[in-house]
Amino acid sequence: MSPADDRPEEAAGQPEAAGLPGPAALAWQLASRKGWVDVDRAVLTGLTWVPCMPDFPEGEDRESWAAESAALWWGVSGLQPEQEQVDLLASMLSAIHKDIYAAGHSHMAFIHLPDPRLLPLPVQLGIWAMQGDRDEQLRLLVNADDPAALEKPILEEFTTGHLGTGLRCLRYRRGGEDGSEIHGYLDYAWRSEEHETDLRLFTFSWGLDRLQRAIPDIDELARAISVVPRT
């Protein structure tokens, strides 16, 4: 879940979809109208990622999705959890889903959970309409010039076979009530001129060890993403 003050300036606008709460409607207002994303299913079959889509199939809702996902992840783990552990994971997944799509930072998400004993780590995708100068916009989307960063963000090019060359930025901020905690932020951004789409992939963690453990898998997820025509 990404804090509200970490949201790029582009994620604002006017509501489009009836029935959506304010920020969520704003996100869809500014979504790309020509591009969307496809993710190579091979990356999603290893039970590393819990798909966390904004909508549910008929007959399913947030609570049933969370309960089924928690039961599945514990069931294939080879561990013998107490029912309270399964219920706790389901509760966390449900809360994460609710927070993601109420905040309006993104249009889809995947939750990193290679072990059900870990704290679930949501990784979000913002699929925005292209705007402005490419280099300036990508820097903005990855928060390359974050004034609240503890030290100069680690900014580098990140190239994938599907998305081409974009940016990846790792940065740290102070957090907690007394500022004694160090929080980690990881952002990626690419532009698809063909589909007039600016893509942002991002996550945030209160625990630096948790984020560092996830980075190789997040890199792999990034390489599995393609921008495709929006239908």
C-alpha atoms as a PDB file:
ATOM      1  CA  MET A   1       0.000   0.000   0.000  1.00  0.00           C
ATOM      2  CA  SER A   2       1.408   3.334  -1.013  1.00  0.00           C
ATOM      3  CA  PRO A   3       1.030   6.337   1.268  1.00  0.00           C
ATOM      4  CA  ALA A   4      -1.144   9.152  -0.053  1.00  0.00           C
ATOM      5  CA  ASP A   5       1.726  11.644  -0.127  1.00  0.00           C
ATOM      6  CA  ASP A   6       3.681   9.358  -2.444  1.00  0.00           C
ATOM      7  CA  ARG A   7       1.132   9.559  -5.248  1.00  0.00           C
ATOM      8  CA  PRO A   8       2.370  11.154  -8.523  1.00  0.00           C
ATOM      9  CA  GLU A   9       0.676  14.411  -9.457  1.00  0.00           C
ATOM     10  CA  GLU A  10      -0.951  12.812 -12.526  1.00  0.00           C
ATOM     11  CA  ALA A  11      -3.235  10.667 -10.393  1.00  0.00           C
ATOM     12  CA  ALA A  12      -5.843  13.364 -10.098  1.00  0.00           C
ATOM     13  CA  GLY A  13      -8.790  14.433 -12.255  1.00  0.00           C
ATOM     14  CA  GLN A  14     -12.552  14.116 -12.462  1.00  0.00           C
ATOM     15  CA  PRO A  15     -14.727  11.076 -11.751  1.00  0.00           C
ATOM     16  CA  GLU A  16     -15.688   8.919 -14.696  1.00  0.00           C
ATOM     17  CA  ALA A  17     -17.311   5.717 -13.473  1.00  0.00           C
ATOM     18  CA  ALA A  18     -20.576   5.904 -11.593  1.00  0.00           C
ATOM     19  CA  GLY A  19     -20.581   4.271  -8.177  1.00  0.00           C
ATOM     20  CA  LEU A  20     -16.822   4.476  -7.592  1.00  0.00           C
ATOM     21  CA  PRO A  21     -15.551   6.442  -4.607  1.00  0.00           C
ATOM     22  CA  GLY A  22     -13.713   9.688  -5.351  1.00  0.00           C
ATOM     23  CA  PRO A  23     -10.030   8.687  -5.684  1.00  0.00           C
ATOM     24  CA  ALA A  24     -10.854   5.445  -7.472  1.00  0.00           C
ATOM     25  CA  ALA A  25     -13.012   7.257 -10.008  1.00  0.00           C
ATOM     26  CA  LEU A  26     -10.246   9.804 -10.526  1.00  0.00           C
ATOM     27  CA  ALA A  27      -7.755   7.073 -11.290  1.00  0.00           C
ATOM     28  CA  TRP A  28      -9.978   5.608 -13.996  1.00  0.00           C
ATOM     29  CA  GLN A  29     -10.587   9.061 -15.444  1.00  0.00           C
ATOM     30  CA  LEU A  30      -6.851   9.383 -16.120  1.00  0.00           C
ATOM     31  CA  ALA A  31      -6.263   5.773 -17.177  1.00  0.00           C
ATOM     32  CA  SER A  32      -4.833   5.227 -20.629  1.00  0.00           C
ATOM     33  CA  ARG A  33      -7.556   4.986 -23.244  1.00  0.00           C
ATOM     34  CA  LYS A  34      -5.376   3.245 -25.815  1.00  0.00           C
ATOM     35  CA  GLY A  35      -3.118   0.929 -23.817  1.00  0.00           C
ATOM     36  CA  TRP A  36      -3.533  -1.712 -21.150  1.00  0.00           C
ATOM     37  CA  VAL A  37      -1.227  -4.410 -19.767  1.00  0.00           C
ATOM     38  CA  ASP A  38      -0.856  -8.130 -20.191  1.00  0.00           C
ATOM     39  CA  VAL A  39       1.242 -10.245 -17.820  1.00  0.00           C
ATOM     40  CA  ASP A  40       2.927 -13.488 -18.887  1.00  0.00           C
ATOM     41  CA  ARG A  41       0.985 -16.145 -16.988  1.00  0.00           C
ATOM     42  CA  ALA A  42       4.140 -18.207 -16.450  1.00  0.00           C
ATOM     43  CA  VAL A  43       5.230 -15.693 -13.820  1.00  0.00           C
ATOM     44  CA  LEU A  44       1.914 -16.039 -12.000  1.00  0.00           C
ATOM     45  CA  THR A  45       1.740 -19.836 -11.777  1.00  0.00           C
ATOM     46  CA  GLY A  46       4.395 -20.374  -9.102  1.00  0.00           C
ATOM     47  CA  LEU A  47       2.294 -19.097  -6.183  1.00  0.00           C
ATOM     48  CA  THR A  48       4.640 -16.171  -5.686  1.00  0.00           C
ATOM     49  CA  TRP A  49       1.985 -13.639  -6.665  1.00  0.00           C
ATOM     50  CA  VAL A  50      -1.615 -13.365  -5.511  1.00  0.00           C
ATOM     51  CA  PRO A  51      -3.554 -11.641  -8.338  1.00  0.00           C
ATOM     52  CA  CYS A  52      -5.373  -8.662  -6.846  1.00  0.00           C
ATOM     53  CA  MET A  53      -7.672  -7.374  -9.590  1.00  0.00           C
ATOM     54  CA  PRO A  54     -10.144  -4.500  -9.085  1.00  0.00           C
ATOM     55  CA  ASP A  55     -13.209  -6.549 -10.046  1.00  0.00           C
ATOM     56  CA  PHE A  56     -14.420 -10.034  -9.191  1.00  0.00           C
ATOM     57  CA  PRO A  57     -16.160 -12.708 -11.254  1.00  0.00           C
ATOM     58  CA  GLU A  58     -19.884 -13.110 -10.799  1.00  0.00           C
ATOM     59  CA  GLY A  59     -20.638 -14.788  -7.488  1.00  0.00           C
ATOM     60  CA  GLU A  60     -17.363 -13.713  -5.872  1.00  0.00           C
ATOM     61  CA  ASP A  61     -16.517 -10.695  -3.759  1.00  0.00           C
ATOM     62  CA  ARG A  62     -13.568  -9.303  -1.830  1.00  0.00           C
ATOM     63  CA  GLU A  63     -14.122 -11.498   1.200  1.00  0.00           C
ATOM     64  CA  SER A  64     -14.538 -14.745  -0.746  1.00  0.00           C
ATOM     65  CA  TRP A  65     -11.496 -13.951  -2.898  1.00  0.00           C
ATOM     66  CA  ALA A  66      -9.410 -13.256   0.205  1.00  0.00           C
ATOM     67  CA  ALA A  67     -10.581 -16.404   1.989  1.00  0.00           C
ATOM     68  CA  GLU A  68      -9.958 -18.630  -1.038  1.00  0.00           C
ATOM     69  CA  SER A  69      -6.526 -17.122  -1.669  1.00  0.00           C
ATOM     70  CA  ALA A  70      -5.473 -17.511   1.969  1.00  0.00           C
ATOM     71  CA  ALA A  71      -6.631 -21.125   2.049  1.00  0.00           C
ATOM     72  CA  LEU A  72      -4.824 -21.905  -1.208  1.00  0.00           C
ATOM     73  CA  TRP A  73      -1.528 -20.285  -0.203  1.00  0.00           C
ATOM     74  CA  TRP A  74      -1.486 -22.067   3.145  1.00  0.00           C
ATOM     75  CA  GLY A  75      -2.708 -25.296   1.562  1.00  0.00           C
ATOM     76  CA  VAL A  76       0.186 -25.594  -0.879  1.00  0.00           C
ATOM     77  CA  SER A  77       2.801 -24.406   1.610  1.00  0.00           C
ATOM     78  CA  GLY A  78       3.288 -27.826   3.198  1.00  0.00           C
ATOM     79  CA  LEU A  79       2.768 -26.225   6.596  1.00  0.00           C
ATOM     80  CA  GLN A  80       0.038 -27.009   9.100  1.00  0.00           C
ATOM     81  CA  PRO A  81      -1.501 -23.663  10.033  1.00  0.00           C
ATOM     82  CA  GLU A  82      -4.038 -22.991  12.705  1.00  0.00           C
ATOM     83  CA  GLN A  83      -7.345 -21.685  11.381  1.00  0.00           C
ATOM     84  CA  GLU A  84      -6.515 -18.358  13.023  1.00  0.00           C
ATOM     85  CA  GLN A  85      -3.473 -18.047  10.752  1.00  0.00           C
ATOM     86  CA  VAL A  86      -5.556 -18.659   7.639  1.00  0.00           C
ATOM     87  CA  ASP A  87      -8.151 -16.165   8.817  1.00  0.00           C
ATOM     88  CA  LEU A  88      -5.463 -13.578   9.583  1.00  0.00           C
ATOM     89  CA  LEU A  89      -4.013 -13.854   6.084  1.00  0.00           C
ATOM     90  CA  ALA A  90      -7.490 -13.567   4.570  1.00  0.00           C
ATOM     91  CA  SER A  91      -8.121 -10.444   6.639  1.00  0.00           C
ATOM     92  CA  MET A  92      -4.844  -8.869   5.474  1.00  0.00           C
ATOM     93  CA  LEU A  93      -5.544  -9.644   1.814  1.00  0.00           C
ATOM     94  CA  SER A  94      -9.023  -8.162   2.062  1.00  0.00           C
ATOM     95  CA  ALA A  95      -7.701  -4.993   3.717  1.00  0.00           C
ATOM     96  CA  ILE A  96      -4.962  -4.620   1.119  1.00  0.00           C
ATOM     97  CA  HIS A  97      -7.433  -4.938  -1.746  1.00  0.00           C
ATOM     98  CA  LYS A  98      -9.762  -2.379  -0.184  1.00  0.00           C
ATOM     99  CA  ASP A  99      -6.966   0.117   0.449  1.00  0.00           C
ATOM    100  CA  ILE A 100      -5.447  -0.221  -3.035  1.00  0.00           C
ATOM    101  CA  TYR A 101      -8.596   0.497  -4.964  1.00  0.00           C
ATOM    102  CA  ALA A 102      -9.945   3.128  -2.607  1.00  0.00           C
ATOM    103  CA  ALA A 103      -6.704   5.111  -2.873  1.00  0.00           C
ATOM    104  CA  GLY A 104      -6.832   5.425  -6.661  1.00  0.00           C
ATOM    105  CA  HIS A 105      -3.087   5.061  -7.207  1.00  0.00           C
ATOM    106  CA  SER A 106      -3.372   2.157  -9.622  1.00  0.00           C
ATOM    107  CA  HIS A 107      -5.520   0.024 -11.903  1.00  0.00           C
ATOM    108  CA  MET A 108      -4.391  -3.464 -10.963  1.00  0.00           C
ATOM    109  CA  ALA A 109      -2.094  -5.113  -8.447  1.00  0.00           C
ATOM    110  CA  PHE A 110      -0.320  -8.316  -7.485  1.00  0.00           C
ATOM    111  CA  ILE A 111       0.549  -9.288  -3.928  1.00  0.00           C
ATOM    112  CA  HIS A 112       3.987 -10.769  -3.373  1.00  0.00           C
ATOM    113  CA  LEU A 113       3.590 -13.771  -1.083  1.00  0.00           C
ATOM    114  CA  PRO A 114       6.064 -16.608  -1.722  1.00  0.00           C
ATOM    115  CA  ASP A 115       5.500 -17.795   1.856  1.00  0.00           C
ATOM    116  CA  PRO A 116       2.157 -17.344   3.680  1.00  0.00           C
ATOM    117  CA  ARG A 117       4.066 -16.550   6.886  1.00  0.00           C
ATOM    118  CA  LEU A 118       5.410 -13.355   5.309  1.00  0.00           C
ATOM    119  CA  LEU A 119       3.701  -9.988   5.409  1.00  0.00           C
ATOM    120  CA  PRO A 120       1.876  -9.657   2.061  1.00  0.00           C
ATOM    121  CA  LEU A 121       3.533  -7.021  -0.138  1.00  0.00           C
ATOM    122  CA  PRO A 122       1.267  -5.353  -2.728  1.00  0.00           C
ATOM    123  CA  VAL A 123       2.870  -4.321  -6.019  1.00  0.00           C
ATOM    124  CA  GLN A 124       0.684  -1.950  -7.996  1.00  0.00           C
ATOM    125  CA  LEU A 125       0.347  -0.929 -11.641  1.00  0.00           C
ATOM    126  CA  GLY A 126      -0.793   2.504 -12.726  1.00  0.00           C
ATOM    127  CA  ILE A 127      -1.693   2.524 -16.431  1.00  0.00           C
ATOM    128  CA  TRP A 128      -1.879   6.230 -17.203  1.00  0.00           C
ATOM    129  CA  ALA A 129      -2.580   8.254 -20.319  1.00  0.00           C
ATOM    130  CA  MET A 130       0.692   9.527 -21.774  1.00  0.00           C
ATOM    131  CA  GLN A 131       1.418  13.169 -21.035  1.00  0.00           C
ATOM    132  CA  GLY A 132       4.266  15.620 -21.093  1.00  0.00           C
ATOM    133  CA  ASP A 133       7.918  15.131 -21.912  1.00  0.00           C
ATOM    134  CA  ARG A 134       8.938  11.471 -21.664  1.00  0.00           C
ATOM    135  CA  ASP A 135      12.024  11.895 -19.503  1.00  0.00           C
ATOM    136  CA  GLU A 136      10.395  14.358 -17.136  1.00  0.00           C
ATOM    137  CA  GLN A 137       7.307  12.226 -16.777  1.00  0.00           C
ATOM    138  CA  LEU A 138       9.204   9.016 -16.069  1.00  0.00           C
ATOM    139  CA  ARG A 139      11.267  10.779 -13.407  1.00  0.00           C
ATOM    140  CA  LEU A 140       8.062  12.058 -11.855  1.00  0.00           C
ATOM    141  CA  LEU A 141       6.426   8.632 -11.888  1.00  0.00           C
ATOM    142  CA  VAL A 142       9.385   7.007 -10.103  1.00  0.00           C
ATOM    143  CA  ASN A 143       9.754   9.911  -7.645  1.00  0.00           C
ATOM    144  CA  ALA A 144      13.365  10.398  -8.692  1.00  0.00           C
ATOM    145  CA  ASP A 145      13.542  13.825  -7.060  1.00  0.00           C
ATOM    146  CA  ASP A 146      11.695  13.009  -3.841  1.00  0.00           C
ATOM    147  CA  PRO A 147      12.598  15.809  -1.411  1.00  0.00           C
ATOM    148  CA  ALA A 148      11.713  13.600   1.566  1.00  0.00           C
ATOM    149  CA  ALA A 149      14.207  10.869   0.636  1.00  0.00           C
ATOM    150  CA  LEU A 150      16.831  10.168   3.293  1.00  0.00           C
ATOM    151  CA  GLU A 151      19.565  10.111   0.687  1.00  0.00           C
ATOM    152  CA  LYS A 152      19.797  10.502  -3.062  1.00  0.00           C
ATOM    153  CA  PRO A 153      17.456   7.903  -4.626  1.00  0.00           C
ATOM    154  CA  ILE A 154      19.115   5.030  -6.478  1.00  0.00           C
ATOM    155  CA  LEU A 155      17.968   5.767 -10.036  1.00  0.00           C
ATOM    156  CA  GLU A 156      18.847   3.562 -12.985  1.00  0.00           C
ATOM    157  CA  GLU A 157      17.578   2.525 -16.374  1.00  0.00           C
ATOM    158  CA  PHE A 158      15.575  -0.689 -16.439  1.00  0.00           C
ATOM    159  CA  THR A 159      15.058  -2.457 -19.752  1.00  0.00           C
ATOM    160  CA  THR A 160      12.725  -5.315 -20.583  1.00  0.00           C
ATOM    161  CA  GLY A 161      12.096  -7.127 -23.838  1.00  0.00           C
ATOM    162  CA  HIS A 162       8.446  -6.055 -23.884  1.00  0.00           C
ATOM    163  CA  LEU A 163       8.547  -2.523 -22.489  1.00  0.00           C
ATOM    164  CA  GLY A 164      11.900  -1.248 -23.684  1.00  0.00           C
ATOM    165  CA  THR A 165      13.962   1.065 -21.503  1.00  0.00           C
ATOM    166  CA  GLY A 166      12.423   2.854 -18.566  1.00  0.00           C
ATOM    167  CA  LEU A 167      13.517   3.852 -15.075  1.00  0.00           C
ATOM    168  CA  ARG A 168      13.754   2.113 -11.727  1.00  0.00           C
ATOM    169  CA  CYS A 169      14.153   4.054  -8.496  1.00  0.00           C
ATOM    170  CA  LEU A 170      14.809   2.776  -4.974  1.00  0.00           C
ATOM    171  CA  ARG A 171      14.574   5.291  -2.151  1.00  0.00           C
ATOM    172  CA  TYR A 172      14.176   5.495   1.585  1.00  0.00           C
ATOM    173  CA  ARG A 173      12.152   7.753   3.854  1.00  0.00           C
ATOM    174  CA  ARG A 174      11.788   8.183   7.570  1.00  0.00           C
ATOM    175  CA  GLY A 175       8.494   6.992   9.005  1.00  0.00           C
ATOM    176  CA  GLY A 176       6.705   6.133  12.204  1.00  0.00           C
ATOM    177  CA  GLU A 177       5.269   8.545  14.728  1.00  0.00           C
ATOM    178  CA  ASP A 178       8.711   9.608  15.933  1.00  0.00           C
ATOM    179  CA  GLY A 179      10.524   9.275  12.602  1.00  0.00           C
ATOM    180  CA  SER A 180      12.656   6.410  13.880  1.00  0.00           C
ATOM    181  CA  GLU A 181      11.581   3.932  11.178  1.00  0.00           C
ATOM    182  CA  ILE A 182      13.082   3.637   7.690  1.00  0.00           C
ATOM    183  CA  HIS A 183      10.613   2.831   4.924  1.00  0.00           C
ATOM    184  CA  GLY A 184      11.552   1.605   1.466  1.00  0.00           C
ATOM    185  CA  TYR A 185       9.961   2.578  -1.858  1.00  0.00           C
ATOM    186  CA  LEU A 186      10.542   0.943  -5.233  1.00  0.00           C
ATOM    187  CA  ASP A 187       9.155   2.498  -8.425  1.00  0.00           C
ATOM    188  CA  TYR A 188       9.461   1.642 -12.121  1.00  0.00           C
ATOM    189  CA  ALA A 189       8.146   3.577 -15.130  1.00  0.00           C
ATOM    190  CA  TRP A 190       8.031   3.136 -18.897  1.00  0.00           C
ATOM    191  CA  ARG A 191       6.408   4.910 -21.821  1.00  0.00           C
ATOM    192  CA  SER A 192       4.679   3.254 -24.757  1.00  0.00           C
ATOM    193  CA  GLU A 193       4.486   5.828 -27.523  1.00  0.00           C
ATOM    194  CA  GLU A 194       2.562   3.357 -29.663  1.00  0.00           C
ATOM    195  CA  HIS A 195      -0.239   3.051 -27.105  1.00  0.00           C
ATOM    196  CA  GLU A 196       0.099   6.570 -25.655  1.00  0.00           C
ATOM    197  CA  THR A 197       0.572   5.029 -22.220  1.00  0.00           C
ATOM    198  CA  ASP A 198       2.774   5.831 -19.234  1.00  0.00           C
ATOM    199  CA  LEU A 199       3.154   2.775 -17.030  1.00  0.00           C
ATOM    200  CA  ARG A 200       4.124   2.832 -13.363  1.00  0.00           C
ATOM    201  CA  LEU A 201       4.925  -0.285 -11.276  1.00  0.00           C
ATOM    202  CA  PHE A 202       5.494   0.402  -7.598  1.00  0.00           C
ATOM    203  CA  THR A 203       5.555  -0.875  -4.046  1.00  0.00           C
ATOM    204  CA  PHE A 204       6.269   0.307  -0.525  1.00  0.00           C
ATOM    205  CA  SER A 205       7.342  -1.524   2.613  1.00  0.00           C
ATOM    206  CA  TRP A 206       7.834  -0.604   6.245  1.00  0.00           C
ATOM    207  CA  GLY A 207      10.385  -3.424   6.483  1.00  0.00           C
ATOM    208  CA  LEU A 208      13.529  -3.030   4.390  1.00  0.00           C
ATOM    209  CA  ASP A 209      14.360  -6.742   4.628  1.00  0.00           C
ATOM    210  CA  ARG A 210      10.917  -7.574   3.260  1.00  0.00           C
ATOM    211  CA  LEU A 211      11.406  -5.243   0.296  1.00  0.00           C
ATOM    212  CA  GLN A 212      14.924  -6.472  -0.466  1.00  0.00           C
ATOM    213  CA  ARG A 213      13.706 -10.057  -0.479  1.00  0.00           C
ATOM    214  CA  ALA A 214      11.007  -9.179  -2.995  1.00  0.00           C
ATOM    215  CA  ILE A 215      13.083  -7.130  -5.468  1.00  0.00           C
ATOM    216  CA  PRO A 216      14.259 -10.062  -7.663  1.00  0.00           C
ATOM    217  CA  ASP A 217      10.666 -11.255  -8.003  1.00  0.00           C
ATOM    218  CA  ILE A 218       9.428  -7.729  -8.742  1.00  0.00           C
ATOM    219  CA  ASP A 219      12.087  -7.393 -11.452  1.00  0.00           C
ATOM    220  CA  GLU A 220      10.853 -10.680 -12.909  1.00  0.00           C
ATOM    221  CA  LEU A 221       7.260  -9.459 -12.806  1.00  0.00           C
ATOM    222  CA  ALA A 222       8.290  -6.262 -14.588  1.00  0.00           C
ATOM    223  CA  ARG A 223       9.893  -8.289 -17.383  1.00  0.00           C
ATOM    224  CA  ALA A 224       6.658 -10.254 -17.814  1.00  0.00           C
ATOM    225  CA  ILE A 225       4.533  -7.158 -18.461  1.00  0.00           C
ATOM    226  CA  SER A 226       3.548  -5.973 -21.945  1.00  0.00           C
ATOM    227  CA  VAL A 227       1.525  -2.953 -23.000  1.00  0.00           C
ATOM    228  CA  VAL A 228      -1.272  -4.066 -25.322  1.00  0.00           C
ATOM    229  CA  PRO A 229      -4.161  -2.287 -27.061  1.00  0.00           C
ATOM    230  CA  ARG A 230      -7.008  -1.455 -24.706  1.00  0.00           C
ATOM    231  CA  THR A 231     -10.184  -3.144 -25.872  1.00  0.00           C
END
